[in-house]
Amino acid sequence: MQLHASGEDYLEAIFVLKKQTGEVRSVDLARYMGYTKPSISHAVSILKKGGFLNMDQEGYLHLTDSGQKVAEKIYERHCFFKNQLVMVGISPEIAEQEACQIEHIISEETFQKIKNYLYKSGK
């Protein structure tokens, strides 16, 4: 299943919430993302069907191995670009918004080359 940017955002949000609180329910995700419960339920259903997410009997969300892999990739990109943008003088608020856009459109090859270049040059 091919994920759209919104699916990647949901997986990333679950990943972040899990790191922060240890457990994630749909209501937590709705609150964190600012979406309605029906929107979250629909997204969770799609992500479950795609094999990216499971829900246990108590309603807690768990990333599958493939969901975890996608979430980690998107989160790494997000943090990297947000930090780079802030370092060049972009406000944290704008950097947050723009990193969220960049993380989805950049290819893996381009991301790795930028990252390697900046790390080699010490920036």
PDB file of N, CA and C in Angstrom:
ATOM      1  N   MET A   1       0.849  -1.194   0.000  1.00  0.00           N
ATOM      2  CA  MET A   1       0.000   0.000   0.000  1.00  0.00           C
ATOM      3  C   MET A   1       0.882   1.241   0.000  1.00  0.00           C
ATOM      4  N   GLN A   2       0.596   2.141  -0.902  1.00  0.00           N
ATOM      5  CA  GLN A   2       1.317   3.413  -0.982  1.00  0.00           C
ATOM      6  C   GLN A   2       0.695   4.403   0.008  1.00  0.00           C
ATOM      7  N   LEU A   3       1.525   4.996   0.833  1.00  0.00           N
ATOM      8  CA  LEU A   3       1.044   5.975   1.807  1.00  0.00           C
ATOM      9  C   LEU A   3       1.077   7.376   1.220  1.00  0.00           C
ATOM     10  N   HIS A   4       0.086   8.152   1.543  1.00  0.00           N
ATOM     11  CA  HIS A   4       0.083   9.568   1.219  1.00  0.00           C
ATOM     12  C   HIS A   4       0.718  10.314   2.389  1.00  0.00           C
ATOM     13  N   ALA A   5       0.972  11.599   2.194  1.00  0.00           N
ATOM     14  CA  ALA A   5       1.579  12.416   3.244  1.00  0.00           C
ATOM     15  C   ALA A   5       0.758  12.370   4.530  1.00  0.00           C
ATOM     16  N   SER A   6      -0.560  12.363   4.409  1.00  0.00           N
ATOM     17  CA  SER A   6      -1.404  12.344   5.609  1.00  0.00           C
ATOM     18  C   SER A   6      -1.209  11.052   6.396  1.00  0.00           C
ATOM     19  N   GLY A   7      -1.091   9.922   5.704  1.00  0.00           N
ATOM     20  CA  GLY A   7      -0.832   8.656   6.387  1.00  0.00           C
ATOM     21  C   GLY A   7       0.497   8.673   7.103  1.00  0.00           C
ATOM     22  N   GLU A   8       1.498   9.251   6.448  1.00  0.00           N
ATOM     23  CA  GLU A   8       2.814   9.379   7.084  1.00  0.00           C
ATOM     24  C   GLU A   8       2.730  10.268   8.317  1.00  0.00           C
ATOM     25  N   ASP A   9       1.919  11.331   8.230  1.00  0.00           N
ATOM     26  CA  ASP A   9       1.747  12.226   9.388  1.00  0.00           C
ATOM     27  C   ASP A   9       1.114  11.491  10.569  1.00  0.00           C
ATOM     28  N   TYR A  10       0.130  10.654  10.297  1.00  0.00           N
ATOM     29  CA  TYR A  10      -0.499   9.879  11.375  1.00  0.00           C
ATOM     30  C   TYR A  10       0.515   8.941  12.026  1.00  0.00           C
ATOM     31  N   LEU A  11       1.281   8.242  11.212  1.00  0.00           N
ATOM     32  CA  LEU A  11       2.281   7.314  11.760  1.00  0.00           C
ATOM     33  C   LEU A  11       3.330   8.059  12.578  1.00  0.00           C
ATOM     34  N   GLU A  12       3.773   9.198  12.062  1.00  0.00           N
ATOM     35  CA  GLU A  12       4.752  10.010  12.789  1.00  0.00           C
ATOM     36  C   GLU A  12       4.169  10.485  14.123  1.00  0.00           C
ATOM     37  N   ALA A  13       2.921  10.914  14.118  1.00  0.00           N
ATOM     38  CA  ALA A  13       2.282  11.389  15.348  1.00  0.00           C
ATOM     39  C   ALA A  13       2.167  10.267  16.370  1.00  0.00           C
ATOM     40  N   ILE A  14       1.804   9.083  15.932  1.00  0.00           N
ATOM     41  CA  ILE A  14       1.724   7.935  16.850  1.00  0.00           C
ATOM     42  C   ILE A  14       3.108   7.647  17.428  1.00  0.00           C
ATOM     43  N   PHE A  15       4.124   7.692  16.576  1.00  0.00           N
ATOM     44  CA  PHE A  15       5.504   7.465  17.003  1.00  0.00           C
ATOM     45  C   PHE A  15       5.911   8.477  18.085  1.00  0.00           C
ATOM     46  N   VAL A  16       5.638   9.752  17.833  1.00  0.00           N
ATOM     47  CA  VAL A  16       5.993  10.819  18.785  1.00  0.00           C
ATOM     48  C   VAL A  16       5.233  10.657  20.100  1.00  0.00           C
ATOM     49  N   LEU A  17       3.928  10.417  20.013  1.00  0.00           N
ATOM     50  CA  LEU A  17       3.122  10.234  21.227  1.00  0.00           C
ATOM     51  C   LEU A  17       3.593   9.029  22.028  1.00  0.00           C
ATOM     52  N   LYS A  18       3.930   7.952  21.337  1.00  0.00           N
ATOM     53  CA  LYS A  18       4.429   6.743  22.023  1.00  0.00           C
ATOM     54  C   LYS A  18       5.718   7.064  22.786  1.00  0.00           C
ATOM     55  N   LYS A  19       6.597   7.856  22.169  1.00  0.00           N
ATOM     56  CA  LYS A  19       7.839   8.267  22.833  1.00  0.00           C
ATOM     57  C   LYS A  19       7.547   9.129  24.061  1.00  0.00           C
ATOM     58  N   GLN A  20       6.533   9.984  23.950  1.00  0.00           N
ATOM     59  CA  GLN A  20       6.215  10.917  25.029  1.00  0.00           C
ATOM     60  C   GLN A  20       5.462  10.260  26.182  1.00  0.00           C
ATOM     61  N   THR A  21       4.504   9.395  25.862  1.00  0.00           N
ATOM     62  CA  THR A  21       3.603   8.892  26.893  1.00  0.00           C
ATOM     63  C   THR A  21       3.648   7.384  27.106  1.00  0.00           C
ATOM     64  N   GLY A  22       4.211   6.665  26.149  1.00  0.00           N
ATOM     65  CA  GLY A  22       4.300   5.216  26.275  1.00  0.00           C
ATOM     66  C   GLY A  22       3.114   4.469  25.695  1.00  0.00           C
ATOM     67  N   GLU A  23       1.954   5.110  25.632  1.00  0.00           N
ATOM     68  CA  GLU A  23       0.752   4.469  25.095  1.00  0.00           C
ATOM     69  C   GLU A  23      -0.040   5.498  24.299  1.00  0.00           C
ATOM     70  N   VAL A  24      -0.676   5.023  23.229  1.00  0.00           N
ATOM     71  CA  VAL A  24      -1.423   5.937  22.364  1.00  0.00           C
ATOM     72  C   VAL A  24      -2.788   5.329  22.047  1.00  0.00           C
ATOM     73  N   ARG A  25      -3.824   6.116  22.271  1.00  0.00           N
ATOM     74  CA  ARG A  25      -5.183   5.751  21.865  1.00  0.00           C
ATOM     75  C   ARG A  25      -5.644   6.735  20.800  1.00  0.00           C
ATOM     76  N   SER A  26      -6.711   6.391  20.124  1.00  0.00           N
ATOM     77  CA  SER A  26      -7.237   7.269  19.076  1.00  0.00           C
ATOM     78  C   SER A  26      -7.561   8.662  19.617  1.00  0.00           C
ATOM     79  N   VAL A  27      -8.103   8.732  20.812  1.00  0.00           N
ATOM     80  CA  VAL A  27      -8.454  10.025  21.405  1.00  0.00           C
ATOM     81  C   VAL A  27      -7.196  10.872  21.635  1.00  0.00           C
ATOM     82  N   ASP A  28      -6.087  10.229  22.016  1.00  0.00           N
ATOM     83  CA  ASP A  28      -4.825  10.950  22.195  1.00  0.00           C
ATOM     84  C   ASP A  28      -4.340  11.510  20.860  1.00  0.00           C
ATOM     85  N   LEU A  29      -4.467  10.704  19.832  1.00  0.00           N
ATOM     86  CA  LEU A  29      -4.048  11.096  18.490  1.00  0.00           C
ATOM     87  C   LEU A  29      -4.906  12.261  17.982  1.00  0.00           C
ATOM     88  N   ALA A  30      -6.201  12.188  18.223  1.00  0.00           N
ATOM     89  CA  ALA A  30      -7.107  13.273  17.812  1.00  0.00           C
ATOM     90  C   ALA A  30      -6.721  14.575  18.497  1.00  0.00           C
ATOM     91  N   ARG A  31      -6.472  14.510  19.780  1.00  0.00           N
ATOM     92  CA  ARG A  31      -6.094  15.698  20.546  1.00  0.00           C
ATOM     93  C   ARG A  31      -4.763  16.264  20.040  1.00  0.00           C
ATOM     94  N   TYR A  32      -3.791  15.403  19.831  1.00  0.00           N
ATOM     95  CA  TYR A  32      -2.453  15.807  19.401  1.00  0.00           C
ATOM     96  C   TYR A  32      -2.480  16.446  18.008  1.00  0.00           C
ATOM     97  N   MET A  33      -3.237  15.846  17.100  1.00  0.00           N
ATOM     98  CA  MET A  33      -3.248  16.324  15.722  1.00  0.00           C
ATOM     99  C   MET A  33      -4.308  17.402  15.465  1.00  0.00           C
ATOM    100  N   GLY A  34      -5.238  17.550  16.405  1.00  0.00           N
ATOM    101  CA  GLY A  34      -6.287  18.549  16.241  1.00  0.00           C
ATOM    102  C   GLY A  34      -7.366  18.135  15.259  1.00  0.00           C
ATOM    103  N   TYR A  35      -7.558  16.830  15.101  1.00  0.00           N
ATOM    104  CA  TYR A  35      -8.565  16.292  14.190  1.00  0.00           C
ATOM    105  C   TYR A  35      -9.725  15.731  14.995  1.00  0.00           C
ATOM    106  N   THR A  36     -10.842  15.525  14.309  1.00  0.00           N
ATOM    107  CA  THR A  36     -12.007  14.948  14.974  1.00  0.00           C
ATOM    108  C   THR A  36     -11.817  13.444  15.144  1.00  0.00           C
ATOM    109  N   LYS A  37     -12.552  12.874  16.082  1.00  0.00           N
ATOM    110  CA  LYS A  37     -12.495  11.430  16.320  1.00  0.00           C
ATOM    111  C   LYS A  37     -12.888  10.634  15.075  1.00  0.00           C
ATOM    112  N   PRO A  38     -13.939  11.043  14.328  1.00  0.00           N
ATOM    113  CA  PRO A  38     -14.259  10.301  13.110  1.00  0.00           C
ATOM    114  C   PRO A  38     -13.132  10.319  12.071  1.00  0.00           C
ATOM    115  N   SER A  39     -12.436  11.441  11.938  1.00  0.00           N
ATOM    116  CA  SER A  39     -11.303  11.510  11.007  1.00  0.00           C
ATOM    117  C   SER A  39     -10.195  10.562  11.433  1.00  0.00           C
ATOM    118  N   ILE A  40      -9.934  10.519  12.726  1.00  0.00           N
ATOM    119  CA  ILE A  40      -8.901   9.620  13.255  1.00  0.00           C
ATOM    120  C   ILE A  40      -9.326   8.170  13.039  1.00  0.00           C
ATOM    121  N   SER A  41     -10.571   7.863  13.326  1.00  0.00           N
ATOM    122  CA  SER A  41     -11.063   6.491  13.148  1.00  0.00           C
ATOM    123  C   SER A  41     -10.914   6.034  11.702  1.00  0.00           C
ATOM    124  N   HIS A  42     -11.222   6.904  10.776  1.00  0.00           N
ATOM    125  CA  HIS A  42     -11.096   6.578   9.352  1.00  0.00           C
ATOM    126  C   HIS A  42      -9.630   6.320   8.995  1.00  0.00           C
ATOM    127  N   ALA A  43      -8.751   7.199   9.434  1.00  0.00           N
ATOM    128  CA  ALA A  43      -7.319   7.043   9.139  1.00  0.00           C
ATOM    129  C   ALA A  43      -6.765   5.774   9.774  1.00  0.00           C
ATOM    130  N   VAL A  44      -7.140   5.512  11.013  1.00  0.00           N
ATOM    131  CA  VAL A  44      -6.674   4.310  11.713  1.00  0.00           C
ATOM    132  C   VAL A  44      -7.122   3.066  10.954  1.00  0.00           C
ATOM    133  N   SER A  45      -8.350   3.073  10.477  1.00  0.00           N
ATOM    134  CA  SER A  45      -8.867   1.944   9.717  1.00  0.00           C
ATOM    135  C   SER A  45      -8.038   1.701   8.457  1.00  0.00           C
ATOM    136  N   ILE A  46      -7.726   2.745   7.738  1.00  0.00           N
ATOM    137  CA  ILE A  46      -6.924   2.630   6.518  1.00  0.00           C
ATOM    138  C   ILE A  46      -5.515   2.129   6.848  1.00  0.00           C
ATOM    139  N   LEU A  47      -4.917   2.672   7.892  1.00  0.00           N
ATOM    140  CA  LEU A  47      -3.563   2.261   8.275  1.00  0.00           C
ATOM    141  C   LEU A  47      -3.529   0.816   8.772  1.00  0.00           C
ATOM    142  N   LYS A  48      -4.592   0.387   9.439  1.00  0.00           N
ATOM    143  CA  LYS A  48      -4.681  -1.020   9.856  1.00  0.00           C
ATOM    144  C   LYS A  48      -4.775  -1.929   8.638  1.00  0.00           C
ATOM    145  N   LYS A  49      -5.631  -1.571   7.688  1.00  0.00           N
ATOM    146  CA  LYS A  49      -5.782  -2.363   6.465  1.00  0.00           C
ATOM    147  C   LYS A  49      -4.483  -2.430   5.671  1.00  0.00           C
ATOM    148  N   GLY A  50      -3.703  -1.362   5.731  1.00  0.00           N
ATOM    149  CA  GLY A  50      -2.434  -1.310   5.011  1.00  0.00           C
ATOM    150  C   GLY A  50      -1.299  -2.036   5.709  1.00  0.00           C
ATOM    151  N   GLY A  51      -1.566  -2.513   6.936  1.00  0.00           N
ATOM    152  CA  GLY A  51      -0.546  -3.245   7.675  1.00  0.00           C
ATOM    153  C   GLY A  51       0.456  -2.371   8.409  1.00  0.00           C
ATOM    154  N   PHE A  52       0.115  -1.105   8.643  1.00  0.00           N
ATOM    155  CA  PHE A  52       1.015  -0.177   9.318  1.00  0.00           C
ATOM    156  C   PHE A  52       0.720  -0.025  10.806  1.00  0.00           C
ATOM    157  N   LEU A  53      -0.425  -0.530  11.228  1.00  0.00           N
ATOM    158  CA  LEU A  53      -0.919  -0.236  12.560  1.00  0.00           C
ATOM    159  C   LEU A  53      -1.810  -1.363  13.050  1.00  0.00           C
ATOM    160  N   ASN A  54      -1.759  -1.612  14.350  1.00  0.00           N
ATOM    161  CA  ASN A  54      -2.677  -2.543  15.010  1.00  0.00           C
ATOM    162  C   ASN A  54      -3.316  -1.834  16.186  1.00  0.00           C
ATOM    163  N   MET A  55      -4.462  -2.341  16.601  1.00  0.00           N
ATOM    164  CA  MET A  55      -5.127  -1.817  17.795  1.00  0.00           C
ATOM    165  C   MET A  55      -5.423  -3.006  18.701  1.00  0.00           C
ATOM    166  N   ASP A  56      -5.039  -2.868  19.975  1.00  0.00           N
ATOM    167  CA  ASP A  56      -5.295  -3.981  20.893  1.00  0.00           C
ATOM    168  C   ASP A  56      -6.714  -3.889  21.449  1.00  0.00           C
ATOM    169  N   GLN A  57      -7.065  -4.853  22.303  1.00  0.00           N
ATOM    170  CA  GLN A  57      -8.435  -4.934  22.821  1.00  0.00           C
ATOM    171  C   GLN A  57      -8.811  -3.751  23.700  1.00  0.00           C
ATOM    172  N   GLU A  58      -7.814  -3.087  24.277  1.00  0.00           N
ATOM    173  CA  GLU A  58      -8.107  -1.908  25.102  1.00  0.00           C
ATOM    174  C   GLU A  58      -8.130  -0.618  24.290  1.00  0.00           C
ATOM    175  N   GLY A  59      -7.909  -0.714  22.982  1.00  0.00           N
ATOM    176  CA  GLY A  59      -7.972   0.464  22.121  1.00  0.00           C
ATOM    177  C   GLY A  59      -6.657   1.193  21.936  1.00  0.00           C
ATOM    178  N   TYR A  60      -5.563   0.603  22.374  1.00  0.00           N
ATOM    179  CA  TYR A  60      -4.259   1.240  22.193  1.00  0.00           C
ATOM    180  C   TYR A  60      -3.709   0.932  20.815  1.00  0.00           C
ATOM    181  N   LEU A  61      -3.107   1.942  20.211  1.00  0.00           N
ATOM    182  CA  LEU A  61      -2.548   1.824  18.874  1.00  0.00           C
ATOM    183  C   LEU A  61      -1.094   1.387  18.953  1.00  0.00           C
ATOM    184  N   HIS A  62      -0.714   0.475  18.064  1.00  0.00           N
ATOM    185  CA  HIS A  62       0.661  -0.038  18.015  1.00  0.00           C
ATOM    186  C   HIS A  62       1.116  -0.056  16.564  1.00  0.00           C
ATOM    187  N   LEU A  63       2.255   0.534  16.297  1.00  0.00           N
ATOM    188  CA  LEU A  63       2.822   0.495  14.956  1.00  0.00           C
ATOM    189  C   LEU A  63       3.339  -0.908  14.666  1.00  0.00           C
ATOM    190  N   THR A  64       3.085  -1.394  13.470  1.00  0.00           N
ATOM    191  CA  THR A  64       3.692  -2.651  13.038  1.00  0.00           C
ATOM    192  C   THR A  64       5.143  -2.348  12.667  1.00  0.00           C
ATOM    193  N   ASP A  65       5.892  -3.365  12.304  1.00  0.00           N
ATOM    194  CA  ASP A  65       7.276  -3.134  11.892  1.00  0.00           C
ATOM    195  C   ASP A  65       7.349  -2.173  10.711  1.00  0.00           C
ATOM    196  N   SER A  66       6.477  -2.364   9.727  1.00  0.00           N
ATOM    197  CA  SER A  66       6.500  -1.462   8.566  1.00  0.00           C
ATOM    198  C   SER A  66       6.029  -0.057   8.951  1.00  0.00           C
ATOM    199  N   GLY A  67       5.052   0.047   9.846  1.00  0.00           N
ATOM    200  CA  GLY A  67       4.603   1.349  10.330  1.00  0.00           C
ATOM    201  C   GLY A  67       5.691   2.063  11.113  1.00  0.00           C
ATOM    202  N   GLN A  68       6.409   1.312  11.923  1.00  0.00           N
ATOM    203  CA  GLN A  68       7.513   1.866  12.706  1.00  0.00           C
ATOM    204  C   GLN A  68       8.606   2.397  11.792  1.00  0.00           C
ATOM    205  N   LYS A  69       8.908   1.641  10.753  1.00  0.00           N
ATOM    206  CA  LYS A  69       9.960   2.033   9.801  1.00  0.00           C
ATOM    207  C   LYS A  69       9.604   3.352   9.113  1.00  0.00           C
ATOM    208  N   VAL A  70       8.362   3.468   8.652  1.00  0.00           N
ATOM    209  CA  VAL A  70       7.909   4.700   8.002  1.00  0.00           C
ATOM    210  C   VAL A  70       7.936   5.852   8.998  1.00  0.00           C
ATOM    211  N   ALA A  71       7.427   5.633  10.193  1.00  0.00           N
ATOM    212  CA  ALA A  71       7.366   6.694  11.205  1.00  0.00           C
ATOM    213  C   ALA A  71       8.755   7.197  11.568  1.00  0.00           C
ATOM    214  N   GLU A  72       9.692   6.298  11.750  1.00  0.00           N
ATOM    215  CA  GLU A  72      11.060   6.699  12.086  1.00  0.00           C
ATOM    216  C   GLU A  72      11.698   7.498  10.960  1.00  0.00           C
ATOM    217  N   LYS A  73      11.456   7.072   9.720  1.00  0.00           N
ATOM    218  CA  LYS A  73      12.012   7.773   8.560  1.00  0.00           C
ATOM    219  C   LYS A  73      11.463   9.202   8.484  1.00  0.00           C
ATOM    220  N   ILE A  74      10.162   9.346   8.625  1.00  0.00           N
ATOM    221  CA  ILE A  74       9.532  10.659   8.531  1.00  0.00           C
ATOM    222  C   ILE A  74       9.959  11.537   9.700  1.00  0.00           C
ATOM    223  N   TYR A  75      10.020  10.971  10.893  1.00  0.00           N
ATOM    224  CA  TYR A  75      10.421  11.736  12.077  1.00  0.00           C
ATOM    225  C   TYR A  75      11.868  12.215  11.950  1.00  0.00           C
ATOM    226  N   GLU A  76      12.749  11.349  11.439  1.00  0.00           N
ATOM    227  CA  GLU A  76      14.144  11.758  11.249  1.00  0.00           C
ATOM    228  C   GLU A  76      14.230  12.932  10.283  1.00  0.00           C
ATOM    229  N   ARG A  77      13.529  12.830   9.170  1.00  0.00           N
ATOM    230  CA  ARG A  77      13.529  13.912   8.188  1.00  0.00           C
ATOM    231  C   ARG A  77      12.974  15.197   8.791  1.00  0.00           C
ATOM    232  N   HIS A  78      11.877  15.068   9.507  1.00  0.00           N
ATOM    233  CA  HIS A  78      11.240  16.237  10.119  1.00  0.00           C
ATOM    234  C   HIS A  78      12.211  16.954  11.051  1.00  0.00           C
ATOM    235  N   CYS A  79      12.814  16.201  11.949  1.00  0.00           N
ATOM    236  CA  CYS A  79      13.757  16.798  12.912  1.00  0.00           C
ATOM    237  C   CYS A  79      14.953  17.418  12.201  1.00  0.00           C
ATOM    238  N   PHE A  80      15.482  16.708  11.218  1.00  0.00           N
ATOM    239  CA  PHE A  80      16.642  17.197  10.475  1.00  0.00           C
ATOM    240  C   PHE A  80      16.328  18.537   9.812  1.00  0.00           C
ATOM    241  N   PHE A  81      15.246  18.585   9.046  1.00  0.00           N
ATOM    242  CA  PHE A  81      14.939  19.814   8.322  1.00  0.00           C
ATOM    243  C   PHE A  81      14.511  20.942   9.249  1.00  0.00           C
ATOM    244  N   LYS A  82      13.788  20.628  10.292  1.00  0.00           N
ATOM    245  CA  LYS A  82      13.420  21.682  11.239  1.00  0.00           C
ATOM    246  C   LYS A  82      14.676  22.285  11.863  1.00  0.00           C
ATOM    247  N   ASN A  83      15.600  21.450  12.282  1.00  0.00           N
ATOM    248  CA  ASN A  83      16.843  21.940  12.889  1.00  0.00           C
ATOM    249  C   ASN A  83      17.659  22.766  11.903  1.00  0.00           C
ATOM    250  N   GLN A  84      17.773  22.299  10.671  1.00  0.00           N
ATOM    251  CA  GLN A  84      18.537  23.039   9.663  1.00  0.00           C
ATOM    252  C   GLN A  84      17.907  24.397   9.386  1.00  0.00           C
ATOM    253  N   LEU A  85      16.596  24.431   9.271  1.00  0.00           N
ATOM    254  CA  LEU A  85      15.913  25.698   9.013  1.00  0.00           C
ATOM    255  C   LEU A  85      16.075  26.676  10.172  1.00  0.00           C
ATOM    256  N   VAL A  86      15.974  26.192  11.382  1.00  0.00           N
ATOM    257  CA  VAL A  86      16.160  27.054  12.554  1.00  0.00           C
ATOM    258  C   VAL A  86      17.595  27.573  12.596  1.00  0.00           C
ATOM    259  N   MET A  87      18.560  26.713  12.252  1.00  0.00           N
ATOM    260  CA  MET A  87      19.977  27.118  12.282  1.00  0.00           C
ATOM    261  C   MET A  87      20.283  28.248  11.294  1.00  0.00           C
ATOM    262  N   VAL A  88      19.540  28.322  10.189  1.00  0.00           N
ATOM    263  CA  VAL A  88      19.794  29.399   9.230  1.00  0.00           C
ATOM    264  C   VAL A  88      18.927  30.631   9.492  1.00  0.00           C
ATOM    265  N   GLY A  89      18.183  30.620  10.597  1.00  0.00           N
ATOM    266  CA  GLY A  89      17.464  31.818  11.017  1.00  0.00           C
ATOM    267  C   GLY A  89      15.967  31.817  10.810  1.00  0.00           C
ATOM    268  N   ILE A  90      15.401  30.701  10.377  1.00  0.00           N
ATOM    269  CA  ILE A  90      13.948  30.612  10.234  1.00  0.00           C
ATOM    270  C   ILE A  90      13.331  30.447  11.626  1.00  0.00           C
ATOM    271  N   SER A  91      12.218  31.107  11.871  1.00  0.00           N
ATOM    272  CA  SER A  91      11.573  30.982  13.179  1.00  0.00           C
ATOM    273  C   SER A  91      11.170  29.528  13.413  1.00  0.00           C
ATOM    274  N   PRO A  92      11.184  29.079  14.674  1.00  0.00           N
ATOM    275  CA  PRO A  92      10.796  27.693  14.963  1.00  0.00           C
ATOM    276  C   PRO A  92       9.397  27.334  14.462  1.00  0.00           C
ATOM    277  N   GLU A  93       8.479  28.282  14.497  1.00  0.00           N
ATOM    278  CA  GLU A  93       7.114  28.004  14.050  1.00  0.00           C
ATOM    279  C   GLU A  93       7.067  27.740  12.548  1.00  0.00           C
ATOM    280  N   ILE A  94       7.733  28.594  11.777  1.00  0.00           N
ATOM    281  CA  ILE A  94       7.762  28.405  10.322  1.00  0.00           C
ATOM    282  C   ILE A  94       8.578  27.167   9.978  1.00  0.00           C
ATOM    283  N   ALA A  95       9.699  26.969  10.680  1.00  0.00           N
ATOM    284  CA  ALA A  95      10.536  25.791  10.439  1.00  0.00           C
ATOM    285  C   ALA A  95       9.738  24.512  10.666  1.00  0.00           C
ATOM    286  N   GLU A  96       8.902  24.499  11.686  1.00  0.00           N
ATOM    287  CA  GLU A  96       8.058  23.335  11.982  1.00  0.00           C
ATOM    288  C   GLU A  96       7.113  23.045  10.822  1.00  0.00           C
ATOM    289  N   GLN A  97       6.454  24.076  10.339  1.00  0.00           N
ATOM    290  CA  GLN A  97       5.496  23.914   9.237  1.00  0.00           C
ATOM    291  C   GLN A  97       6.183  23.470   7.951  1.00  0.00           C
ATOM    292  N   GLU A  98       7.293  24.106   7.634  1.00  0.00           N
ATOM    293  CA  GLU A  98       7.960  23.798   6.369  1.00  0.00           C
ATOM    294  C   GLU A  98       8.668  22.445   6.412  1.00  0.00           C
ATOM    295  N   ALA A  99       9.209  22.066   7.560  1.00  0.00           N
ATOM    296  CA  ALA A  99       9.820  20.743   7.691  1.00  0.00           C
ATOM    297  C   ALA A  99       8.777  19.658   7.462  1.00  0.00           C
ATOM    298  N   CYS A 100       7.555  19.911   7.916  1.00  0.00           N
ATOM    299  CA  CYS A 100       6.467  18.949   7.737  1.00  0.00           C
ATOM    300  C   CYS A 100       6.125  18.773   6.261  1.00  0.00           C
ATOM    301  N   GLN A 101       6.321  19.799   5.471  1.00  0.00           N
ATOM    302  CA  GLN A 101       6.089  19.684   4.033  1.00  0.00           C
ATOM    303  C   GLN A 101       7.268  19.012   3.337  1.00  0.00           C
ATOM    304  N   ILE A 102       8.474  19.448   3.664  1.00  0.00           N
ATOM    305  CA  ILE A 102       9.679  18.915   3.019  1.00  0.00           C
ATOM    306  C   ILE A 102       9.821  17.418   3.272  1.00  0.00           C
ATOM    307  N   GLU A 103       9.528  16.976   4.469  1.00  0.00           N
ATOM    308  CA  GLU A 103       9.735  15.566   4.844  1.00  0.00           C
ATOM    309  C   GLU A 103       9.014  14.597   3.920  1.00  0.00           C
ATOM    310  N   HIS A 104       7.949  15.046   3.302  1.00  0.00           N
ATOM    311  CA  HIS A 104       7.145  14.162   2.452  1.00  0.00           C
ATOM    312  C   HIS A 104       7.554  14.168   0.986  1.00  0.00           C
ATOM    313  N   ILE A 105       8.130  15.261   0.518  1.00  0.00           N
ATOM    314  CA  ILE A 105       8.373  15.368  -0.918  1.00  0.00           C
ATOM    315  C   ILE A 105       9.790  15.031  -1.346  1.00  0.00           C
ATOM    316  N   ILE A 106      10.707  15.031  -0.423  1.00  0.00           N
ATOM    317  CA  ILE A 106      12.101  14.798  -0.786  1.00  0.00           C
ATOM    318  C   ILE A 106      12.377  13.299  -0.929  1.00  0.00           C
ATOM    319  N   SER A 107      13.152  12.956  -1.929  1.00  0.00           N
ATOM    320  CA  SER A 107      13.482  11.541  -2.135  1.00  0.00           C
ATOM    321  C   SER A 107      14.497  11.084  -1.091  1.00  0.00           C
ATOM    322  N   GLU A 108      14.554   9.783  -0.899  1.00  0.00           N
ATOM    323  CA  GLU A 108      15.521   9.214   0.046  1.00  0.00           C
ATOM    324  C   GLU A 108      16.942   9.542  -0.396  1.00  0.00           C
ATOM    325  N   GLU A 109      17.204   9.438  -1.692  1.00  0.00           N
ATOM    326  CA  GLU A 109      18.548   9.729  -2.201  1.00  0.00           C
ATOM    327  C   GLU A 109      18.955  11.171  -1.910  1.00  0.00           C
ATOM    328  N   THR A 110      18.064  12.112  -2.203  1.00  0.00           N
ATOM    329  CA  THR A 110      18.367  13.525  -1.963  1.00  0.00           C
ATOM    330  C   THR A 110      18.559  13.791  -0.480  1.00  0.00           C
ATOM    331  N   PHE A 111      17.689  13.230   0.346  1.00  0.00           N
ATOM    332  CA  PHE A 111      17.820  13.425   1.793  1.00  0.00           C
ATOM    333  C   PHE A 111      19.172  12.935   2.289  1.00  0.00           C
ATOM    334  N   GLN A 112      19.561  11.731   1.884  1.00  0.00           N
ATOM    335  CA  GLN A 112      20.834  11.162   2.336  1.00  0.00           C
ATOM    336  C   GLN A 112      22.017  12.003   1.855  1.00  0.00           C
ATOM    337  N   LYS A 113      21.962  12.499   0.625  1.00  0.00           N
ATOM    338  CA  LYS A 113      23.070  13.308   0.098  1.00  0.00           C
ATOM    339  C   LYS A 113      23.182  14.637   0.838  1.00  0.00           C
ATOM    340  N   ILE A 114      22.055  15.271   1.121  1.00  0.00           N
ATOM    341  CA  ILE A 114      22.081  16.523   1.891  1.00  0.00           C
ATOM    342  C   ILE A 114      22.627  16.261   3.292  1.00  0.00           C
ATOM    343  N   LYS A 115      22.115  15.243   3.922  1.00  0.00           N
ATOM    344  CA  LYS A 115      22.543  14.902   5.282  1.00  0.00           C
ATOM    345  C   LYS A 115      24.049  14.602   5.311  1.00  0.00           C
ATOM    346  N   ASN A 116      24.506  13.775   4.386  1.00  0.00           N
ATOM    347  CA  ASN A 116      25.933  13.435   4.334  1.00  0.00           C
ATOM    348  C   ASN A 116      26.794  14.654   4.066  1.00  0.00           C
ATOM    349  N   TYR A 117      26.366  15.518   3.159  1.00  0.00           N
ATOM    350  CA  TYR A 117      27.113  16.726   2.848  1.00  0.00           C
ATOM    351  C   TYR A 117      27.242  17.623   4.079  1.00  0.00           C
ATOM    352  N   LEU A 118      26.135  17.854   4.747  1.00  0.00           N
ATOM    353  CA  LEU A 118      26.162  18.745   5.913  1.00  0.00           C
ATOM    354  C   LEU A 118      26.981  18.151   7.065  1.00  0.00           C
ATOM    355  N   TYR A 119      26.886  16.856   7.266  1.00  0.00           N
ATOM    356  CA  TYR A 119      27.646  16.237   8.343  1.00  0.00           C
ATOM    357  C   TYR A 119      29.139  16.213   8.030  1.00  0.00           C
ATOM    358  N   LYS A 120      29.494  16.014   6.760  1.00  0.00           N
ATOM    359  CA  LYS A 120      30.899  16.016   6.367  1.00  0.00           C
ATOM    360  C   LYS A 120      31.508  17.410   6.478  1.00  0.00           C
ATOM    361  N   SER A 121      30.687  18.416   6.173  1.00  0.00           N
ATOM    362  CA  SER A 121      31.192  19.785   6.210  1.00  0.00           C
ATOM    363  C   SER A 121      31.085  20.395   7.610  1.00  0.00           C
ATOM    364  N   GLY A 122      30.508  19.640   8.552  1.00  0.00           N
ATOM    365  CA  GLY A 122      30.418  20.102   9.939  1.00  0.00           C
ATOM    366  C   GLY A 122      29.372  21.156  10.188  1.00  0.00           C
ATOM    367  N   LYS A 123      28.358  21.213   9.354  1.00  0.00           N
ATOM    368  CA  LYS A 123      27.307  22.238   9.527  1.00  0.00           C
ATOM    369  C   LYS A 123      26.136  21.699  10.286  1.00  0.00           C
TER     370      LYS A 123
END
